[in-house]
Amino acid sequence: AKETVEEKGREGNDHEVVVLSEEQYFKIQEELARLARQQEEMLWLMQLREKKDELREKKDEEFRQLLTSVLRNQ
């Protein structure tokens, strides 16, 4: 089996060497890609919710102004 060697730096000059099989390495890469996509989707949903909240606030303010205007003109 082909192996990939990854070197992780530690404090000072000590290094820990982690040996992964190619299959393990690709599984990790796939999981990282999946997590990145999930994070992008979550950020997109948060932005969508923010826009929705902003629109609701704008409509509420327009309604308040209209109601105030109607009440003043009675």
C-alpha atoms as a PDB file:
ATOM      1  CA  ALA A   1       0.000   0.000   0.000  1.00  0.00           C
ATOM      2  CA  LYS A   2       1.196   3.459  -0.853  1.00  0.00           C
ATOM      3  CA  GLU A   3       1.749   5.692   2.127  1.00  0.00           C
ATOM      4  CA  THR A   4       1.801   9.425   2.605  1.00  0.00           C
ATOM      5  CA  VAL A   5       4.021  11.005   5.208  1.00  0.00           C
ATOM      6  CA  GLU A   6       2.870  14.179   6.914  1.00  0.00           C
ATOM      7  CA  GLU A   7       5.117  16.123   9.230  1.00  0.00           C
ATOM      8  CA  LYS A   8       3.488  18.058  12.044  1.00  0.00           C
ATOM      9  CA  GLY A   9       5.491  20.799  13.718  1.00  0.00           C
ATOM     10  CA  ARG A  10       5.558  21.011  17.494  1.00  0.00           C
ATOM     11  CA  GLU A  11       7.002  23.505  19.906  1.00  0.00           C
ATOM     12  CA  GLY A  12      10.705  23.876  19.386  1.00  0.00           C
ATOM     13  CA  ASN A  13      12.440  21.686  16.846  1.00  0.00           C
ATOM     14  CA  ASP A  14      10.704  18.431  17.741  1.00  0.00           C
ATOM     15  CA  HIS A  15       8.664  16.936  14.931  1.00  0.00           C
ATOM     16  CA  GLU A  16       6.063  14.235  15.065  1.00  0.00           C
ATOM     17  CA  VAL A  17       5.793  12.176  11.899  1.00  0.00           C
ATOM     18  CA  VAL A  18       2.381  10.754  11.054  1.00  0.00           C
ATOM     19  CA  VAL A  19       2.187   8.040   8.413  1.00  0.00           C
ATOM     20  CA  LEU A  20      -1.137   7.707   6.646  1.00  0.00           C
ATOM     21  CA  SER A  21      -2.155   5.254   3.992  1.00  0.00           C
ATOM     22  CA  GLU A  22      -3.233   6.862   0.734  1.00  0.00           C
ATOM     23  CA  GLU A  23      -6.787   5.706   1.455  1.00  0.00           C
ATOM     24  CA  GLN A  24      -6.774   7.375   4.892  1.00  0.00           C
ATOM     25  CA  TYR A  25      -5.332  10.545   3.385  1.00  0.00           C
ATOM     26  CA  PHE A  26      -8.040  10.719   0.702  1.00  0.00           C
ATOM     27  CA  LYS A  27     -10.785  10.016   3.260  1.00  0.00           C
ATOM     28  CA  ILE A  28      -9.510  12.899   5.368  1.00  0.00           C
ATOM     29  CA  GLN A  29      -9.389  15.169   2.317  1.00  0.00           C
ATOM     30  CA  GLU A  30     -12.959  14.197   1.367  1.00  0.00           C
ATOM     31  CA  GLU A  31     -14.158  14.915   4.912  1.00  0.00           C
ATOM     32  CA  LEU A  32     -12.420  18.304   4.906  1.00  0.00           C
ATOM     33  CA  ALA A  33     -14.054  19.145   1.568  1.00  0.00           C
ATOM     34  CA  ARG A  34     -17.459  18.065   2.917  1.00  0.00           C
ATOM     35  CA  LEU A  35     -17.001  20.211   6.022  1.00  0.00           C
ATOM     36  CA  ALA A  36     -15.967  23.194   3.881  1.00  0.00           C
ATOM     37  CA  ARG A  37     -19.128  22.805   1.750  1.00  0.00           C
ATOM     38  CA  GLN A  38     -21.240  22.509   4.896  1.00  0.00           C
ATOM     39  CA  GLN A  39     -19.652  25.651   6.329  1.00  0.00           C
ATOM     40  CA  GLU A  40     -20.335  27.575   3.091  1.00  0.00           C
ATOM     41  CA  GLU A  41     -23.955  26.439   3.158  1.00  0.00           C
ATOM     42  CA  MET A  42     -24.326  27.530   6.791  1.00  0.00           C
ATOM     43  CA  LEU A  43     -22.842  30.950   6.018  1.00  0.00           C
ATOM     44  CA  TRP A  44     -25.189  31.299   3.025  1.00  0.00           C
ATOM     45  CA  LEU A  45     -28.192  30.410   5.213  1.00  0.00           C
ATOM     46  CA  MET A  46     -27.099  32.921   7.856  1.00  0.00           C
ATOM     47  CA  GLN A  47     -26.819  35.658   5.211  1.00  0.00           C
ATOM     48  CA  LEU A  48     -30.229  34.714   3.839  1.00  0.00           C
ATOM     49  CA  ARG A  49     -31.721  34.937   7.323  1.00  0.00           C
ATOM     50  CA  GLU A  50     -30.089  38.347   7.867  1.00  0.00           C
ATOM     51  CA  LYS A  51     -31.598  39.656   4.617  1.00  0.00           C
ATOM     52  CA  LYS A  52     -34.981  38.250   5.583  1.00  0.00           C
ATOM     53  CA  ASP A  53     -34.768  39.961   8.989  1.00  0.00           C
ATOM     54  CA  GLU A  54     -33.733  43.254   7.351  1.00  0.00           C
ATOM     55  CA  LEU A  55     -36.703  43.071   4.964  1.00  0.00           C
ATOM     56  CA  ARG A  56     -39.072  42.328   7.847  1.00  0.00           C
ATOM     57  CA  GLU A  57     -37.720  45.300   9.815  1.00  0.00           C
ATOM     58  CA  LYS A  58     -38.089  47.555   6.765  1.00  0.00           C
ATOM     59  CA  LYS A  59     -41.696  46.439   6.227  1.00  0.00           C
ATOM     60  CA  ASP A  60     -42.457  46.931   9.935  1.00  0.00           C
ATOM     61  CA  GLU A  61     -41.056  50.467   9.792  1.00  0.00           C
ATOM     62  CA  GLU A  62     -43.051  51.275   6.632  1.00  0.00           C
ATOM     63  CA  PHE A  63     -46.202  49.953   8.318  1.00  0.00           C
ATOM     64  CA  ARG A  64     -45.526  52.073  11.436  1.00  0.00           C
ATOM     65  CA  GLN A  65     -45.073  55.178   9.285  1.00  0.00           C
ATOM     66  CA  LEU A  66     -48.276  54.460   7.367  1.00  0.00           C
ATOM     67  CA  LEU A  67     -50.220  53.845  10.569  1.00  0.00           C
ATOM     68  CA  THR A  68     -48.844  57.037  12.131  1.00  0.00           C
ATOM     69  CA  SER A  69     -49.810  58.995   9.020  1.00  0.00           C
ATOM     70  CA  VAL A  70     -53.332  57.550   8.994  1.00  0.00           C
ATOM     71  CA  LEU A  71     -53.834  58.272  12.702  1.00  0.00           C
ATOM     72  CA  ARG A  72     -52.621  61.876  12.302  1.00  0.00           C
ATOM     73  CA  ASN A  73     -55.041  62.476   9.443  1.00  0.00           C
ATOM     74  CA  GLN A  74     -58.130  61.356  11.348  1.00  0.00           C
END
